[in-house]
Amino acid sequence: MYRIIAALFLLVASVATSSAQPALFPSVWQNQQGSLLKVLATDSGGNFRGVFISYGPPCPGAVFDAAGALRGPLIGFQTWKAWSPDCRATTVWRGRMINPTTVVVKWVMTYGGRKVRGVDTFRRI
């Protein structure tokens, strides 16, 4: 009986461990333009928050707030900078974690009343 309880406990512990999302916290990700996504906090549900430092147009060097979620291999996050009059841009990113060090996402940025679309690859650094 004790063996069955011990085996059940180990099974539950391994499932809980495998469902955690340690791949994101803490971490820094860089895309091909050199922009950085810094994940500063996560929760047990796969949600995360941090900052995005843009090194691409239209606002090189601008720091944006970031928040999103990782659900299995799928990732989605949003970056925004509404608290500053310069470079008010909002970008929504959706994609897939290819492996623990690579994320490929499509994005839509709203800036100055227009929308720009693209694709990025982020690598963990």
N, C-alpha and C. Protein backbone atom coordinates (compact mmCIF):
# COMPACT_ATOMS: atom_id res chain seq x y z
N MET A 1 0.82 -1.19 0.00
CA MET A 1 0.00 0.00 0.00
C MET A 1 0.87 1.26 0.00
N TYR A 2 1.95 1.24 0.82
CA TYR A 2 2.84 2.40 0.88
C TYR A 2 3.52 2.65 -0.47
N ARG A 3 3.83 1.57 -1.18
CA ARG A 3 4.47 1.71 -2.48
C ARG A 3 3.53 2.39 -3.47
N ILE A 4 2.27 2.05 -3.43
CA ILE A 4 1.29 2.65 -4.33
C ILE A 4 1.14 4.13 -4.02
N ILE A 5 1.06 4.47 -2.75
CA ILE A 5 0.95 5.88 -2.36
C ILE A 5 2.20 6.65 -2.78
N ALA A 6 3.37 6.06 -2.56
CA ALA A 6 4.62 6.71 -2.95
C ALA A 6 4.69 6.90 -4.46
N ALA A 7 4.28 5.89 -5.22
CA ALA A 7 4.29 5.99 -6.69
C ALA A 7 3.31 7.06 -7.17
N LEU A 8 2.14 7.12 -6.55
CA LEU A 8 1.16 8.13 -6.91
C LEU A 8 1.69 9.54 -6.60
N PHE A 9 2.33 9.68 -5.45
CA PHE A 9 2.92 10.97 -5.09
C PHE A 9 3.98 11.39 -6.11
N LEU A 10 4.86 10.48 -6.51
CA LEU A 10 5.89 10.79 -7.49
C LEU A 10 5.29 11.15 -8.85
N LEU A 11 4.23 10.46 -9.23
CA LEU A 11 3.56 10.77 -10.49
C LEU A 11 2.97 12.18 -10.47
N VAL A 12 2.29 12.53 -9.40
CA VAL A 12 1.71 13.86 -9.27
C VAL A 12 2.80 14.93 -9.26
N ALA A 13 3.88 14.68 -8.56
CA ALA A 13 4.99 15.64 -8.49
C ALA A 13 5.63 15.83 -9.85
N SER A 14 5.80 14.76 -10.62
CA SER A 14 6.42 14.90 -11.94
C SER A 14 5.51 15.63 -12.91
N VAL A 15 4.20 15.42 -12.84
CA VAL A 15 3.26 16.14 -13.70
C VAL A 15 3.28 17.62 -13.36
N ALA A 16 3.28 17.95 -12.08
CA ALA A 16 3.32 19.36 -11.66
C ALA A 16 4.61 20.02 -12.12
N THR A 17 5.71 19.32 -12.02
CA THR A 17 6.98 19.88 -12.45
C THR A 17 7.03 20.07 -13.95
N SER A 18 6.52 19.13 -14.72
CA SER A 18 6.57 19.24 -16.18
C SER A 18 5.62 20.30 -16.70
N SER A 19 4.56 20.63 -15.97
CA SER A 19 3.63 21.64 -16.44
C SER A 19 4.07 23.05 -16.10
N ALA A 20 5.09 23.20 -15.28
CA ALA A 20 5.60 24.53 -14.94
C ALA A 20 6.24 25.15 -16.18
N GLN A 21 6.37 26.47 -16.17
CA GLN A 21 6.91 27.19 -17.32
C GLN A 21 8.25 27.84 -16.96
N PRO A 22 9.27 27.07 -16.61
CA PRO A 22 10.53 27.68 -16.19
C PRO A 22 11.31 28.28 -17.34
N ALA A 23 10.91 28.03 -18.59
CA ALA A 23 11.68 28.48 -19.74
C ALA A 23 11.71 30.00 -19.85
N LEU A 24 10.80 30.70 -19.17
CA LEU A 24 10.74 32.14 -19.33
C LEU A 24 11.33 32.95 -18.18
N PHE A 25 11.45 32.38 -16.99
CA PHE A 25 11.83 33.23 -15.87
C PHE A 25 13.10 32.79 -15.19
N PRO A 26 13.96 33.70 -14.83
CA PRO A 26 14.13 35.01 -15.47
C PRO A 26 14.88 34.81 -16.78
N SER A 27 14.62 35.64 -17.74
CA SER A 27 15.29 35.45 -19.02
C SER A 27 15.32 36.73 -19.83
N VAL A 28 16.24 36.75 -20.78
CA VAL A 28 16.36 37.85 -21.72
C VAL A 28 16.38 37.24 -23.12
N TRP A 29 15.57 37.80 -24.00
CA TRP A 29 15.44 37.31 -25.37
C TRP A 29 15.79 38.44 -26.32
N GLN A 30 16.48 38.13 -27.42
CA GLN A 30 16.89 39.15 -28.39
C GLN A 30 16.43 38.75 -29.78
N ASN A 31 15.86 39.74 -30.52
CA ASN A 31 15.45 39.44 -31.89
C ASN A 31 16.54 39.86 -32.87
N GLN A 32 16.30 39.67 -34.15
CA GLN A 32 17.33 39.91 -35.15
C GLN A 32 17.70 41.38 -35.32
N GLN A 33 16.86 42.33 -34.85
CA GLN A 33 17.23 43.75 -34.88
C GLN A 33 17.98 44.18 -33.62
N GLY A 34 18.14 43.27 -32.68
CA GLY A 34 18.83 43.59 -31.44
C GLY A 34 17.91 44.01 -30.31
N SER A 35 16.60 44.10 -30.56
CA SER A 35 15.66 44.46 -29.50
C SER A 35 15.63 43.36 -28.44
N LEU A 36 15.36 43.75 -27.20
CA LEU A 36 15.40 42.82 -26.07
C LEU A 36 14.05 42.71 -25.39
N LEU A 37 13.63 41.49 -25.09
CA LEU A 37 12.48 41.22 -24.23
C LEU A 37 13.04 40.66 -22.94
N LYS A 38 12.84 41.39 -21.84
CA LYS A 38 13.31 40.95 -20.53
C LYS A 38 12.10 40.49 -19.72
N VAL A 39 12.04 39.20 -19.45
CA VAL A 39 10.96 38.63 -18.63
C VAL A 39 11.38 38.76 -17.18
N LEU A 40 10.61 39.53 -16.41
CA LEU A 40 10.97 39.84 -15.03
C LEU A 40 10.18 39.04 -14.00
N ALA A 41 8.96 38.61 -14.36
CA ALA A 41 8.12 37.88 -13.40
C ALA A 41 7.17 36.96 -14.15
N THR A 42 6.90 35.79 -13.55
CA THR A 42 5.93 34.85 -14.10
C THR A 42 5.03 34.35 -12.97
N ASP A 43 3.94 33.72 -13.35
CA ASP A 43 3.11 33.06 -12.35
C ASP A 43 2.93 31.60 -12.75
N SER A 44 2.27 30.84 -11.92
CA SER A 44 2.13 29.41 -12.17
C SER A 44 1.24 29.10 -13.37
N GLY A 45 0.47 30.07 -13.83
CA GLY A 45 -0.40 29.85 -14.99
C GLY A 45 0.27 30.11 -16.32
N GLY A 46 1.56 30.47 -16.31
CA GLY A 46 2.27 30.73 -17.56
C GLY A 46 2.24 32.19 -17.98
N ASN A 47 1.61 33.05 -17.18
CA ASN A 47 1.58 34.49 -17.48
C ASN A 47 2.92 35.12 -17.10
N PHE A 48 3.32 36.14 -17.83
CA PHE A 48 4.57 36.81 -17.51
C PHE A 48 4.46 38.30 -17.77
N ARG A 49 5.40 39.05 -17.19
CA ARG A 49 5.49 40.48 -17.44
C ARG A 49 6.96 40.88 -17.43
N GLY A 50 7.23 42.01 -18.04
CA GLY A 50 8.60 42.48 -18.12
C GLY A 50 8.69 43.77 -18.90
N VAL A 51 9.81 43.95 -19.59
CA VAL A 51 10.02 45.14 -20.42
C VAL A 51 10.56 44.71 -21.77
N PHE A 52 10.30 45.57 -22.76
CA PHE A 52 10.80 45.37 -24.11
C PHE A 52 11.59 46.62 -24.48
N ILE A 53 12.84 46.44 -24.87
CA ILE A 53 13.69 47.56 -25.27
C ILE A 53 13.86 47.46 -26.78
N SER A 54 13.32 48.43 -27.49
CA SER A 54 13.33 48.41 -28.95
C SER A 54 14.62 49.01 -29.50
N TYR A 55 15.23 48.30 -30.43
CA TYR A 55 16.39 48.84 -31.15
C TYR A 55 16.07 48.95 -32.64
N GLY A 56 14.79 48.79 -32.96
CA GLY A 56 14.35 48.92 -34.35
C GLY A 56 13.45 50.13 -34.49
N PRO A 57 13.05 50.45 -35.72
CA PRO A 57 12.15 51.58 -35.93
C PRO A 57 10.78 51.28 -35.33
N PRO A 58 9.99 52.21 -34.96
CA PRO A 58 10.20 53.64 -35.15
C PRO A 58 10.87 54.33 -33.96
N CYS A 59 11.18 53.59 -32.90
CA CYS A 59 11.65 54.20 -31.65
C CYS A 59 12.88 53.50 -31.10
N PRO A 60 14.02 53.58 -31.75
CA PRO A 60 15.20 52.89 -31.21
C PRO A 60 15.57 53.40 -29.83
N GLY A 61 15.81 52.47 -28.92
CA GLY A 61 16.18 52.81 -27.55
C GLY A 61 15.01 53.01 -26.61
N ALA A 62 13.78 52.94 -27.12
CA ALA A 62 12.60 53.14 -26.27
C ALA A 62 12.34 51.89 -25.43
N VAL A 63 11.88 52.11 -24.19
CA VAL A 63 11.54 51.02 -23.28
C VAL A 63 10.02 50.93 -23.19
N PHE A 64 9.50 49.72 -23.40
CA PHE A 64 8.06 49.47 -23.38
C PHE A 64 7.74 48.49 -22.26
N ASP A 65 6.55 48.61 -21.69
CA ASP A 65 6.04 47.59 -20.78
C ASP A 65 5.68 46.37 -21.62
N ALA A 66 5.73 45.18 -21.02
CA ALA A 66 5.40 43.94 -21.73
C ALA A 66 4.65 43.00 -20.80
N ALA A 67 3.67 42.30 -21.35
CA ALA A 67 2.93 41.28 -20.60
C ALA A 67 2.42 40.24 -21.58
N GLY A 68 2.37 38.98 -21.14
CA GLY A 68 1.90 37.94 -22.03
C GLY A 68 1.71 36.63 -21.31
N ALA A 69 1.62 35.56 -22.13
CA ALA A 69 1.39 34.23 -21.58
C ALA A 69 2.02 33.18 -22.47
N LEU A 70 2.46 32.11 -21.82
CA LEU A 70 2.99 30.94 -22.51
C LEU A 70 2.07 29.78 -22.18
N ARG A 71 1.46 29.18 -23.21
CA ARG A 71 0.55 28.04 -23.04
C ARG A 71 1.08 26.90 -23.89
N GLY A 72 1.80 25.99 -23.25
CA GLY A 72 2.46 24.93 -24.02
C GLY A 72 3.50 25.58 -24.92
N PRO A 73 3.51 25.26 -26.21
CA PRO A 73 4.47 25.91 -27.10
C PRO A 73 4.01 27.26 -27.61
N LEU A 74 2.75 27.64 -27.37
CA LEU A 74 2.21 28.90 -27.90
C LEU A 74 2.53 30.06 -26.96
N ILE A 75 2.94 31.17 -27.55
CA ILE A 75 3.27 32.36 -26.77
C ILE A 75 2.57 33.56 -27.39
N GLY A 76 2.13 34.45 -26.54
CA GLY A 76 1.55 35.71 -26.98
C GLY A 76 1.90 36.78 -25.96
N PHE A 77 2.24 37.96 -26.45
CA PHE A 77 2.50 39.06 -25.53
C PHE A 77 2.25 40.38 -26.23
N GLN A 78 2.14 41.42 -25.42
CA GLN A 78 1.88 42.76 -25.93
C GLN A 78 2.88 43.71 -25.29
N THR A 79 3.34 44.66 -26.09
CA THR A 79 4.21 45.71 -25.58
C THR A 79 3.52 47.04 -25.83
N TRP A 80 3.69 47.98 -24.89
CA TRP A 80 3.04 49.28 -25.02
C TRP A 80 3.83 50.34 -24.27
N LYS A 81 3.60 51.57 -24.68
CA LYS A 81 4.24 52.70 -24.03
C LYS A 81 3.25 53.87 -24.08
N ALA A 82 2.21 53.77 -23.30
CA ALA A 82 1.18 54.81 -23.29
C ALA A 82 1.51 55.92 -22.30
N TRP A 83 2.49 55.70 -21.43
CA TRP A 83 2.79 56.67 -20.37
C TRP A 83 3.74 57.76 -20.82
N SER A 84 4.11 57.76 -22.08
CA SER A 84 5.06 58.76 -22.57
C SER A 84 4.54 59.36 -23.87
N PRO A 85 4.67 60.67 -24.04
CA PRO A 85 4.19 61.27 -25.28
C PRO A 85 5.04 60.90 -26.50
N ASP A 86 6.30 60.52 -26.28
CA ASP A 86 7.13 60.13 -27.42
C ASP A 86 6.96 58.64 -27.70
N CYS A 87 6.78 58.31 -28.92
CA CYS A 87 6.72 56.92 -29.37
C CYS A 87 5.60 56.12 -28.71
N ARG A 88 4.40 56.58 -28.84
CA ARG A 88 3.25 55.80 -28.34
C ARG A 88 2.96 54.70 -29.34
N ALA A 89 3.49 53.54 -29.06
CA ALA A 89 3.30 52.38 -29.94
C ALA A 89 2.82 51.20 -29.11
N THR A 90 1.96 50.40 -29.71
CA THR A 90 1.49 49.16 -29.10
C THR A 90 1.72 48.04 -30.11
N THR A 91 2.33 46.96 -29.65
CA THR A 91 2.59 45.83 -30.54
C THR A 91 2.07 44.55 -29.89
N VAL A 92 1.39 43.75 -30.70
CA VAL A 92 0.88 42.45 -30.26
C VAL A 92 1.69 41.37 -30.99
N TRP A 93 2.24 40.44 -30.22
CA TRP A 93 3.09 39.37 -30.74
C TRP A 93 2.42 38.03 -30.48
N ARG A 94 2.35 37.15 -31.49
CA ARG A 94 1.78 35.82 -31.34
C ARG A 94 2.66 34.83 -32.09
N GLY A 95 2.96 33.71 -31.43
CA GLY A 95 3.79 32.73 -32.11
C GLY A 95 3.98 31.46 -31.34
N ARG A 96 5.14 30.86 -31.54
CA ARG A 96 5.40 29.52 -31.03
C ARG A 96 6.83 29.42 -30.52
N MET A 97 6.97 28.73 -29.40
CA MET A 97 8.29 28.42 -28.88
C MET A 97 8.78 27.19 -29.64
N ILE A 98 9.82 27.36 -30.43
CA ILE A 98 10.34 26.28 -31.26
C ILE A 98 11.14 25.30 -30.40
N ASN A 99 11.94 25.84 -29.50
CA ASN A 99 12.70 25.05 -28.54
C ASN A 99 12.96 25.95 -27.33
N PRO A 100 13.62 25.49 -26.28
CA PRO A 100 13.78 26.34 -25.09
C PRO A 100 14.56 27.63 -25.31
N THR A 101 15.22 27.78 -26.47
CA THR A 101 16.00 29.00 -26.70
C THR A 101 15.55 29.80 -27.91
N THR A 102 14.47 29.39 -28.59
CA THR A 102 14.03 30.08 -29.81
C THR A 102 12.52 30.24 -29.84
N VAL A 103 12.08 31.47 -30.11
CA VAL A 103 10.66 31.78 -30.27
C VAL A 103 10.47 32.49 -31.60
N VAL A 104 9.50 32.06 -32.39
CA VAL A 104 9.17 32.72 -33.65
C VAL A 104 7.77 33.32 -33.51
N VAL A 105 7.64 34.62 -33.80
CA VAL A 105 6.36 35.32 -33.61
C VAL A 105 6.04 36.21 -34.80
N LYS A 106 4.74 36.36 -35.04
CA LYS A 106 4.23 37.38 -35.96
C LYS A 106 3.79 38.54 -35.08
N TRP A 107 3.92 39.76 -35.57
CA TRP A 107 3.55 40.91 -34.78
C TRP A 107 2.78 41.93 -35.61
N VAL A 108 1.96 42.72 -34.89
CA VAL A 108 1.24 43.85 -35.48
C VAL A 108 1.47 45.04 -34.56
N MET A 109 2.09 46.10 -35.10
CA MET A 109 2.37 47.31 -34.32
C MET A 109 1.42 48.41 -34.77
N THR A 110 0.79 49.07 -33.81
CA THR A 110 -0.04 50.24 -34.07
C THR A 110 0.74 51.45 -33.59
N TYR A 111 0.99 52.37 -34.54
CA TYR A 111 1.80 53.54 -34.23
C TYR A 111 1.36 54.69 -35.13
N GLY A 112 1.03 55.81 -34.50
CA GLY A 112 0.64 56.98 -35.28
C GLY A 112 -0.57 56.75 -36.17
N GLY A 113 -1.51 55.93 -35.72
CA GLY A 113 -2.74 55.69 -36.47
C GLY A 113 -2.59 54.68 -37.61
N ARG A 114 -1.45 54.05 -37.74
CA ARG A 114 -1.31 53.04 -38.80
C ARG A 114 -0.80 51.73 -38.20
N LYS A 115 -0.97 50.66 -38.97
CA LYS A 115 -0.55 49.33 -38.51
C LYS A 115 0.57 48.81 -39.41
N VAL A 116 1.56 48.23 -38.76
CA VAL A 116 2.69 47.63 -39.46
C VAL A 116 2.79 46.18 -38.99
N ARG A 117 3.07 45.27 -39.90
CA ARG A 117 3.14 43.84 -39.57
C ARG A 117 4.53 43.29 -39.87
N GLY A 118 4.88 42.23 -39.15
CA GLY A 118 6.17 41.60 -39.40
C GLY A 118 6.30 40.26 -38.70
N VAL A 119 7.47 39.67 -38.82
CA VAL A 119 7.81 38.40 -38.19
C VAL A 119 9.17 38.56 -37.53
N ASP A 120 9.31 38.02 -36.33
CA ASP A 120 10.57 38.08 -35.60
C ASP A 120 10.93 36.70 -35.07
N THR A 121 12.21 36.49 -34.90
CA THR A 121 12.73 35.33 -34.19
C THR A 121 13.50 35.84 -32.98
N PHE A 122 13.08 35.39 -31.80
CA PHE A 122 13.77 35.76 -30.56
C PHE A 122 14.61 34.57 -30.12
N ARG A 123 15.82 34.87 -29.70
CA ARG A 123 16.72 33.85 -29.14
C ARG A 123 17.06 34.22 -27.71
N ARG A 124 17.06 33.23 -26.86
CA ARG A 124 17.41 33.48 -25.46
C ARG A 124 18.91 33.76 -25.35
N ILE A 125 19.24 34.82 -24.62
CA ILE A 125 20.66 35.14 -24.46
C ILE A 125 21.05 35.07 -22.99
